[in-house]
Protein backbone atom coordinates (compact mmCIF):
# COMPACT_ATOMS: atom_id res chain seq x y z
CA UNK A 1 162.69 48.70 17.31
CA UNK A 2 161.84 46.28 20.09
CA UNK A 3 164.91 45.37 22.11
CA UNK A 4 165.81 41.75 21.43
CA UNK A 5 167.25 39.83 24.39
CA UNK A 6 170.69 38.34 23.87
CA UNK A 7 171.81 35.17 25.62
CA UNK A 8 175.01 33.59 24.33
CA UNK A 9 177.59 34.32 21.64
CA UNK A 10 178.15 31.67 18.97
CA UNK A 11 181.20 33.15 17.25
CA UNK A 12 183.46 30.34 18.40
CA UNK A 13 180.92 27.74 17.28
CA UNK A 14 180.73 29.32 13.82
CA UNK A 15 184.51 29.43 13.53
CA UNK A 16 184.71 25.74 14.43
CA UNK A 17 181.94 24.49 12.15
CA UNK A 18 181.67 26.78 9.13
CA UNK A 19 184.19 26.62 6.28
CA UNK A 20 186.47 29.66 6.27
CA UNK A 21 185.03 31.00 3.01
CA UNK A 22 181.47 30.97 4.39
CA UNK A 23 182.60 32.58 7.64
CA UNK A 24 184.34 35.27 5.61
CA UNK A 25 181.17 35.75 3.55
CA UNK A 26 178.88 36.32 6.54
CA UNK A 27 181.38 38.67 8.17
CA UNK A 28 181.58 40.78 5.01
CA UNK A 29 177.79 40.68 4.72
CA UNK A 30 177.49 41.98 8.28
CA UNK A 31 179.95 44.77 7.51
CA UNK A 32 178.03 45.72 4.36
CA UNK A 33 174.76 45.77 6.32
CA UNK A 34 176.34 47.96 8.99
CA UNK A 35 177.49 50.38 6.31
CA UNK A 36 173.89 50.72 5.10
CA UNK A 37 172.59 50.98 8.69
CA UNK A 38 170.84 47.62 8.44
CA UNK A 39 170.74 44.75 10.91
CA UNK A 40 171.63 41.33 9.54
CA UNK A 41 171.00 37.85 10.96
CA UNK A 42 171.78 34.23 10.23
CA UNK A 43 168.54 32.31 10.76
CA UNK A 44 166.78 28.97 10.45
CA UNK A 45 168.27 25.56 9.84
CA UNK A 46 171.92 26.60 9.80
CA UNK A 47 171.56 28.04 13.33
CA UNK A 48 169.80 24.88 14.52
CA UNK A 49 172.53 22.69 13.05
CA UNK A 50 175.31 24.83 14.51
CA UNK A 51 173.86 24.11 17.94
CA UNK A 52 173.50 20.43 17.10
CA UNK A 53 177.05 20.34 15.67
CA UNK A 54 175.69 19.08 12.35
CA UNK A 55 177.02 20.18 8.96
CA UNK A 56 174.81 22.67 7.14
CA UNK A 57 176.37 25.11 4.70
CA UNK A 58 173.15 26.51 3.16
CA UNK A 59 173.06 30.05 4.47
CA UNK A 60 169.71 31.65 5.27
CA UNK A 61 170.19 35.35 6.04
CA UNK A 62 167.61 37.94 7.06
CA UNK A 63 168.09 41.70 6.69
CA UNK A 64 166.15 44.41 8.48
CA UNK A 65 166.24 46.60 5.40
CA UNK A 66 166.78 46.16 1.65
CA UNK A 67 167.86 42.54 1.23
CA UNK A 68 168.03 42.73 -2.57
CA UNK A 69 170.37 45.73 -2.52
CA UNK A 70 172.60 43.99 0.00
CA UNK A 71 172.54 40.76 -2.02
CA UNK A 72 173.66 42.55 -5.17
CA UNK A 73 176.54 44.13 -3.30
CA UNK A 74 177.60 40.74 -1.91
CA UNK A 75 177.21 39.16 -5.33
CA UNK A 76 179.64 41.71 -6.77
CA UNK A 77 182.19 40.91 -4.06
CA UNK A 78 181.90 37.16 -4.63
CA UNK A 79 181.26 37.14 -8.38
CA UNK A 80 178.04 35.30 -7.60
CA UNK A 81 175.04 34.64 -9.78
CA UNK A 82 172.02 36.42 -8.32
CA UNK A 83 168.33 35.56 -8.61
CA UNK A 84 165.93 38.12 -7.11
CA UNK A 85 162.24 38.01 -6.23
CA UNK A 86 161.21 41.64 -5.67
CA UNK A 87 157.65 40.71 -4.64
CA UNK A 88 158.99 38.92 -1.55
CA UNK A 89 162.14 40.98 -1.07
CA UNK A 90 164.38 37.93 -1.45
CA UNK A 91 167.52 37.06 -3.37
CA UNK A 92 169.56 33.90 -3.90
CA UNK A 93 173.32 33.95 -4.46
CA UNK A 94 175.26 31.11 -6.09
CA UNK A 95 179.05 31.05 -6.26
CA UNK A 96 181.77 28.38 -6.26
CA UNK A 97 179.35 25.60 -5.20
CA UNK A 98 178.07 27.80 -2.36
CA UNK A 99 174.64 29.36 -1.92
CA UNK A 100 172.97 31.93 0.30
CA UNK A 101 169.41 33.19 0.55
CA UNK A 102 169.13 36.80 1.68
CA UNK A 103 165.63 37.86 2.68
CA UNK A 104 164.04 41.07 3.90
CA UNK A 105 162.70 40.57 7.43
CA UNK A 106 158.97 40.22 7.12
CA UNK A 107 155.70 39.52 8.81
CA UNK A 108 153.14 37.16 7.30
CA UNK A 109 149.37 36.91 7.53
CA UNK A 110 147.13 34.21 6.05
CA UNK A 111 143.81 35.23 4.51
CA UNK A 112 142.56 31.65 4.63
CA UNK A 113 143.96 28.19 5.46
CA UNK A 114 146.36 26.93 2.83
CA UNK A 115 146.69 30.29 1.08
CA UNK A 116 150.10 31.74 0.38
CA UNK A 117 150.83 34.39 3.02
CA UNK A 118 150.49 38.13 2.58
CA UNK A 119 153.95 39.52 3.20
CA UNK A 120 154.94 42.89 4.70
CA UNK A 121 158.35 44.19 5.81
CA UNK A 122 159.02 43.63 9.50
CA UNK A 123 161.67 43.15 12.13
CA UNK A 124 163.71 40.12 13.10
CA UNK A 125 161.16 39.56 15.88
CA UNK A 126 158.39 39.38 13.25
CA UNK A 127 160.46 37.19 10.99
CA UNK A 128 161.27 34.67 13.69
CA UNK A 129 157.62 34.52 14.75
CA UNK A 130 156.55 33.38 11.25
CA UNK A 131 158.79 30.29 11.37
CA UNK A 132 157.42 26.75 11.42
CA UNK A 133 159.01 25.30 14.58
CA UNK A 134 160.88 26.61 17.59
CA UNK A 135 164.06 24.79 16.58
CA UNK A 136 164.02 26.77 13.30
CA UNK A 137 163.14 30.08 15.01
CA UNK A 138 166.57 31.09 16.25
CA UNK A 139 168.97 33.71 14.86
CA UNK A 140 172.55 34.93 15.12
CA UNK A 141 173.38 38.59 14.56
CA UNK A 142 176.04 39.33 11.93
CA UNK A 143 176.70 43.06 12.40
CA UNK A 144 180.31 43.64 13.54
CA UNK A 145 179.50 45.08 16.99
CA UNK A 146 177.19 42.19 17.87
CA UNK A 147 178.62 39.46 15.68
CA UNK A 148 177.70 36.00 16.90
CA UNK A 149 175.06 37.08 19.43
CA UNK A 150 172.35 34.44 19.72
CA UNK A 151 168.64 35.30 19.60
CA UNK A 152 166.15 32.73 20.91
CA UNK A 153 162.68 34.19 21.48
CA UNK A 154 160.74 30.90 21.34
CA UNK A 155 162.90 28.56 23.45
CA UNK A 156 164.33 26.76 20.44
CA UNK A 157 167.57 25.91 22.24
CA UNK A 158 165.59 24.35 25.07
CA UNK A 159 163.64 22.26 22.55
CA UNK A 160 166.87 21.11 20.94
CA UNK A 161 168.00 19.83 24.33
CA UNK A 162 164.60 18.20 24.88
CA UNK A 163 164.81 16.80 21.32
CA UNK A 164 161.31 17.89 20.36
CA UNK A 165 159.67 19.48 17.33
CA UNK A 166 157.22 22.15 18.50
CA UNK A 167 155.09 24.66 16.60
CA UNK A 168 155.02 28.30 17.67
CA UNK A 169 151.23 28.65 17.90
CA UNK A 170 148.04 26.58 17.77
CA UNK A 171 147.04 27.68 14.26
CA UNK A 172 150.37 26.76 12.69
CA UNK A 173 149.10 23.69 10.81
CA UNK A 174 145.89 25.49 9.86
CA UNK A 175 147.76 28.44 8.34
CA UNK A 176 150.10 26.17 6.40
CA UNK A 177 149.43 22.43 6.44
CA UNK A 178 152.70 21.67 4.63
CA UNK A 179 154.22 22.06 8.10
CA UNK A 180 152.68 18.68 8.89
CA UNK A 181 155.06 17.02 6.43
CA UNK A 182 157.95 19.15 7.69
CA UNK A 183 157.26 18.16 11.31
CA UNK A 184 157.51 14.50 10.35
CA UNK A 185 160.65 15.09 8.27
CA UNK A 186 162.52 16.98 11.00
CA UNK A 187 161.44 14.50 13.66
CA UNK A 188 162.86 11.58 11.71
CA UNK A 189 165.97 13.34 10.40
CA UNK A 190 167.05 14.55 13.84
CA UNK A 191 165.89 11.55 15.84
CA UNK A 192 163.56 13.84 17.81
CA UNK A 193 159.89 13.42 18.67
CA UNK A 194 156.99 15.68 17.87
CA UNK A 195 156.15 17.46 21.13
CA UNK A 196 152.86 16.10 22.62
CA UNK A 197 150.79 19.28 22.23
CA UNK A 198 152.11 19.72 18.68
CA UNK A 199 151.30 16.08 17.90
CA UNK A 200 147.75 16.61 19.11
CA UNK A 201 147.42 19.65 16.84
CA UNK A 202 148.90 17.72 13.92
CA UNK A 203 146.42 14.86 14.28
CA UNK A 204 143.54 17.29 14.68
CA UNK A 205 144.52 19.20 11.54
CA UNK A 206 145.60 16.43 9.14
CA UNK A 207 142.52 17.17 7.03
CA UNK A 208 143.91 20.68 6.43
CA UNK A 209 146.31 19.11 3.92
CA UNK A 210 143.39 19.32 1.48
CA UNK A 211 143.69 23.12 1.59
CA UNK A 212 147.19 23.02 0.10
CA UNK A 213 147.92 22.69 -3.63
CA UNK A 214 149.40 19.51 -5.03
CA UNK A 215 152.45 21.48 -6.17
CA UNK A 216 153.31 22.45 -2.61
CA UNK A 217 152.69 18.93 -1.30
CA UNK A 218 154.92 17.57 -4.08
CA UNK A 219 157.71 19.93 -2.96
CA UNK A 220 157.47 18.61 0.61
CA UNK A 221 157.46 15.00 -0.61
CA UNK A 222 160.55 15.69 -2.74
CA UNK A 223 162.33 16.99 0.37
CA UNK A 224 161.38 13.84 2.26
CA UNK A 225 162.75 11.67 -0.56
CA UNK A 226 166.08 13.53 -0.37
CA UNK A 227 166.59 12.46 3.25
CA UNK A 228 169.21 9.82 4.05
CA UNK A 229 166.56 7.25 4.99
CA UNK A 230 163.25 8.60 3.66
CA UNK A 231 161.34 5.46 4.59
CA UNK A 232 161.44 6.54 8.23
CA UNK A 233 159.46 9.71 7.53
CA UNK A 234 157.12 7.89 5.15
CA UNK A 235 156.45 5.15 7.71
CA UNK A 236 155.72 7.78 10.38
CA UNK A 237 153.50 9.69 7.96
CA UNK A 238 151.60 6.47 7.35
CA UNK A 239 150.96 5.94 11.07
CA UNK A 240 149.77 9.53 11.49
CA UNK A 241 147.30 9.38 8.59
CA UNK A 242 149.38 11.82 6.55
CA UNK A 243 150.59 9.46 3.82
CA UNK A 244 147.12 8.40 2.72
CA UNK A 245 146.35 12.05 1.99
CA UNK A 246 148.64 11.61 -1.02
CA UNK A 247 146.70 8.50 -2.01
CA UNK A 248 144.72 6.05 0.18
CA UNK A 249 146.55 3.04 -1.29
CA UNK A 250 150.08 4.16 -0.42
CA UNK A 251 151.82 2.21 2.33
CA UNK A 252 154.77 3.05 4.55
CA UNK A 253 155.45 -0.52 5.63
CA UNK A 254 158.30 -3.01 6.00
CA UNK A 255 158.29 -3.83 2.28
CA UNK A 256 158.92 -0.18 1.46
CA UNK A 257 161.67 0.12 4.07
CA UNK A 258 163.41 -3.00 2.79
CA UNK A 259 163.11 -1.93 -0.85
CA UNK A 260 164.44 1.58 -0.13
CA UNK A 261 167.39 0.00 1.70
CA UNK A 262 168.08 -2.23 -1.33
CA UNK A 263 167.96 0.87 -3.54
CA UNK A 264 170.67 2.47 -1.40
CA UNK A 265 172.84 -0.64 -1.59
CA UNK A 266 172.47 -0.68 -5.35
CA UNK A 267 173.35 3.00 -5.79
CA UNK A 268 176.43 3.09 -3.53
CA UNK A 269 178.47 5.22 -3.08
CA UNK A 270 175.81 7.73 -4.14
CA UNK A 271 172.31 8.02 -2.71
CA UNK A 272 169.43 6.88 -4.93
CA UNK A 273 167.82 9.65 -6.97
CA UNK A 274 164.60 10.85 -5.29
CA UNK A 275 162.63 9.80 -8.38
CA UNK A 276 163.67 6.18 -7.84
CA UNK A 277 162.29 6.36 -4.31
CA UNK A 278 159.09 7.89 -5.72
CA UNK A 279 158.75 5.10 -8.27
CA UNK A 280 159.11 2.53 -5.48
CA UNK A 281 156.65 4.39 -3.26
CA UNK A 282 154.08 4.22 -6.09
CA UNK A 283 155.10 0.71 -7.21
CA UNK A 284 152.18 -1.13 -5.64
CA UNK A 285 149.52 1.23 -7.00
CA UNK A 286 147.36 0.11 -9.90
CA UNK A 287 147.71 1.91 -13.22
CA UNK A 288 144.58 3.98 -12.45
CA UNK A 289 145.83 4.81 -8.95
CA UNK A 290 149.18 5.85 -10.42
CA UNK A 291 147.38 8.29 -12.71
CA UNK A 292 145.50 9.71 -9.72
CA UNK A 293 148.77 10.30 -7.86
CA UNK A 294 150.33 11.90 -10.94
CA UNK A 295 147.37 14.24 -11.25
CA UNK A 296 147.24 15.17 -7.56
CA UNK A 297 150.94 15.94 -7.28
CA UNK A 298 151.01 17.61 -10.69
CA UNK A 299 154.19 15.75 -11.54
CA UNK A 300 156.41 16.93 -14.36
CA UNK A 301 156.08 15.17 -17.70
CA UNK A 302 159.33 13.25 -17.15
CA UNK A 303 158.44 12.12 -13.62
CA UNK A 304 154.92 11.15 -14.67
CA UNK A 305 156.39 9.04 -17.48
CA UNK A 306 158.73 7.36 -14.99
CA UNK A 307 155.78 6.27 -12.85
CA UNK A 308 153.90 5.05 -15.93
CA UNK A 309 156.94 3.13 -17.15
CA UNK A 310 157.37 1.53 -13.74
CA UNK A 311 153.73 0.49 -13.70
CA UNK A 312 154.04 -0.94 -17.23
CA UNK A 313 157.13 -2.99 -16.30
CA UNK A 314 155.36 -4.30 -13.19
CA UNK A 315 152.51 -5.49 -15.43
CA UNK A 316 155.03 -7.66 -17.34
CA UNK A 317 156.62 -9.32 -14.31
CA UNK A 318 154.64 -12.55 -14.83
CA UNK A 319 155.92 -12.93 -18.39
CA UNK A 320 159.45 -11.95 -17.32
CA UNK A 321 159.35 -14.61 -14.62
CA UNK A 322 159.29 -17.43 -17.19
CA UNK A 323 162.60 -19.35 -17.08
CA UNK A 324 164.62 -19.64 -20.27
CA UNK A 325 163.01 -16.62 -21.92
CA UNK A 326 164.61 -15.82 -25.28
CA UNK A 327 166.77 -12.69 -25.06
CA UNK A 328 164.89 -11.17 -28.02
CA UNK A 329 161.64 -11.49 -26.06
CA UNK A 330 163.22 -9.89 -23.00
CA UNK A 331 164.34 -7.04 -25.26
CA UNK A 332 160.84 -6.66 -26.70
CA UNK A 333 159.28 -6.59 -23.22
CA UNK A 334 161.62 -3.89 -21.87
CA UNK A 335 162.83 -1.78 -24.78
CA UNK A 336 161.99 1.92 -24.46
CA UNK A 337 161.73 2.19 -20.68
CA UNK A 338 164.02 4.46 -18.65
CA UNK A 339 166.86 3.03 -16.57
CA UNK A 340 165.26 4.39 -13.39
CA UNK A 341 162.00 2.58 -14.17
CA UNK A 342 163.93 -0.58 -14.94
CA UNK A 343 165.82 -0.29 -11.65
CA UNK A 344 162.51 0.07 -9.82
CA UNK A 345 161.36 -3.04 -11.67
CA UNK A 346 164.38 -5.02 -10.46
CA UNK A 347 163.89 -3.89 -6.86
CA UNK A 348 160.14 -4.40 -6.77
CA UNK A 349 159.79 -7.49 -8.94
CA UNK A 350 159.42 -10.07 -6.18
CA UNK A 351 160.74 -12.65 -8.65
CA UNK A 352 164.41 -13.54 -8.93
CA UNK A 353 163.95 -14.70 -12.52
CA UNK A 354 162.17 -11.50 -13.58
CA UNK A 355 164.85 -9.40 -11.84
CA UNK A 356 167.58 -11.36 -13.65
CA UNK A 357 165.90 -10.76 -17.00
CA UNK A 358 165.61 -7.03 -16.33
CA UNK A 359 169.26 -6.91 -15.25
CA UNK A 360 170.23 -8.79 -18.43
CA UNK A 361 168.44 -6.18 -20.51
CA UNK A 362 170.00 -3.26 -18.62
CA UNK A 363 173.54 -4.62 -18.70
CA UNK A 364 173.70 -6.39 -22.06
CA UNK A 365 170.69 -6.58 -24.33
CA UNK A 366 169.93 -2.89 -24.67
CA UNK A 367 173.41 -2.37 -26.14
CA UNK A 368 173.00 -5.02 -28.86
CA UNK A 369 172.63 -3.67 -32.40
CA UNK A 370 173.21 -5.07 -35.90
CA UNK A 371 176.56 -4.32 -37.51
CA UNK A 372 174.83 -3.43 -40.77
CA UNK A 373 173.29 0.02 -41.13
CA UNK A 374 170.32 1.15 -43.17
CA UNK A 375 172.66 2.27 -45.96
CA UNK A 376 174.30 -1.16 -45.94
CA UNK A 377 170.89 -2.75 -46.37
CA UNK A 378 170.09 -0.53 -49.35
CA UNK A 379 173.36 -1.60 -51.01
CA UNK A 380 172.34 -5.21 -50.47
CA UNK A 381 169.08 -4.55 -52.27
CA UNK A 382 166.61 -3.93 -49.43
CA UNK A 383 164.02 -1.41 -50.71
CA UNK A 384 163.68 1.92 -48.92
CA UNK A 385 160.79 2.39 -46.50
CA UNK A 386 159.35 0.18 -43.73
CA UNK A 387 161.26 -2.87 -45.03
CA UNK A 388 164.55 -1.35 -43.79
CA UNK A 389 163.20 -1.14 -40.24
CA UNK A 390 161.79 -4.66 -40.40
CA UNK A 391 165.09 -6.14 -41.55
CA UNK A 392 167.08 -4.24 -38.90
CA UNK A 393 164.71 -5.56 -36.26
CA UNK A 394 165.09 -9.12 -37.55
CA UNK A 395 168.88 -8.74 -37.49
CA UNK A 396 168.80 -7.46 -33.90
CA UNK A 397 166.60 -10.34 -32.77
CA UNK A 398 168.94 -12.83 -34.38
CA UNK A 399 171.93 -11.12 -32.75
CA UNK A 400 170.21 -11.16 -29.34
CA UNK A 401 169.45 -14.86 -29.61
CA UNK A 402 173.01 -15.71 -30.63
CA UNK A 403 172.19 -16.74 -34.18
CA UNK A 404 174.61 -14.24 -35.77
CA UNK A 405 178.24 -13.63 -34.89
CA UNK A 406 179.63 -11.44 -37.67
CA UNK A 407 178.92 -8.94 -40.41
CA UNK A 408 179.15 -11.75 -42.92
CA UNK A 409 176.45 -13.67 -41.02
CA UNK A 410 174.20 -10.62 -41.16
CA UNK A 411 174.75 -10.16 -44.91
CA UNK A 412 173.92 -13.81 -45.50
CA UNK A 413 170.72 -13.45 -43.48
CA UNK A 414 169.70 -10.36 -45.46
CA UNK A 415 170.27 -12.17 -48.75
CA UNK A 416 168.14 -15.03 -47.43
CA UNK A 417 165.35 -12.63 -46.53
CA UNK A 418 165.47 -11.06 -50.00
CA UNK A 419 165.62 -14.40 -51.79
CA UNK A 420 163.75 -16.94 -49.71
CA UNK A 421 164.11 -20.58 -50.78
């Protein structure tokens, strides 16, 4: 095997920043690898964030050898749930709210732009070389004799100090155009800048996003929407001509930034669900444009319905903006839509009155139901069939509009419906 240059030892840094249980896990993993005459490395984002002194407890581990065999051994020690992917020589371990990906070191080749890579076993040198950016192309050895030794073959540490995002080779965005979205995401998350030569390559190869499936683009967008302030990446993507590759009518502007910020205020102390951000991102699209975005990103049935619901609520904003609207009408306008779509409607309405009506529905009206049940109506003489539903609806409307206060009021109304004057 090619001799890999060593520079510094990060054992102390790992002891300071990693929880004791994760540190114990990687030490035992290194010992298990040594026993099987394998070399084991911590790689990727966790190494980057150790150097940046940022919290990152998602372990990404590479083995020069049989990663799946090693993963199963570690799973037994930690009573972890294991998911394996033999085709790629990878395994995921889940235990006690912790996770680790253990992967066989590999080399990748791309038959054509946008294609999934052809994977072959390789060395840590090969594995690092297939990474997206220099700041993600660093490793730490975990074998006992060399535990903590830092491997930096592509000047990632230098780029961390320079605060730049840099690709490893000129064809990086051609091989895999999803790296364009990742470059923007890392730049904004870390407060870095895309290195000038990399930025030139990105702009030159934006059109290569058309070589990547909508599923893979959707995955990258979902990761963006999980960021602390996703509007920063979306705004940058808009300026670089990346956002309009999702749909030409999408905008990463001040309105979006302000609305995302309002969403965070509303959802405190938790972050907004990514699907709420997505609904707001698509809010200003027409119904037809929304369908185009749904189709391109191949959204799940539930997410597609959320975007359709949001679009339908937006179409009713004019009616909902009428002052003094009867509560029963508000109920009729909004009944059946998801809470996430309704929240998007409040945030995007642009009308205080419409927002108040939606809030009224969410907080009060949707919980209003008649006291009488269908069986009660039958006892009062309402015939079975559609009439039961009609009477229940009439009772709810009367309740919503404050015309009924008790069970006795409802019974009197039913008798009046059955025996009109």
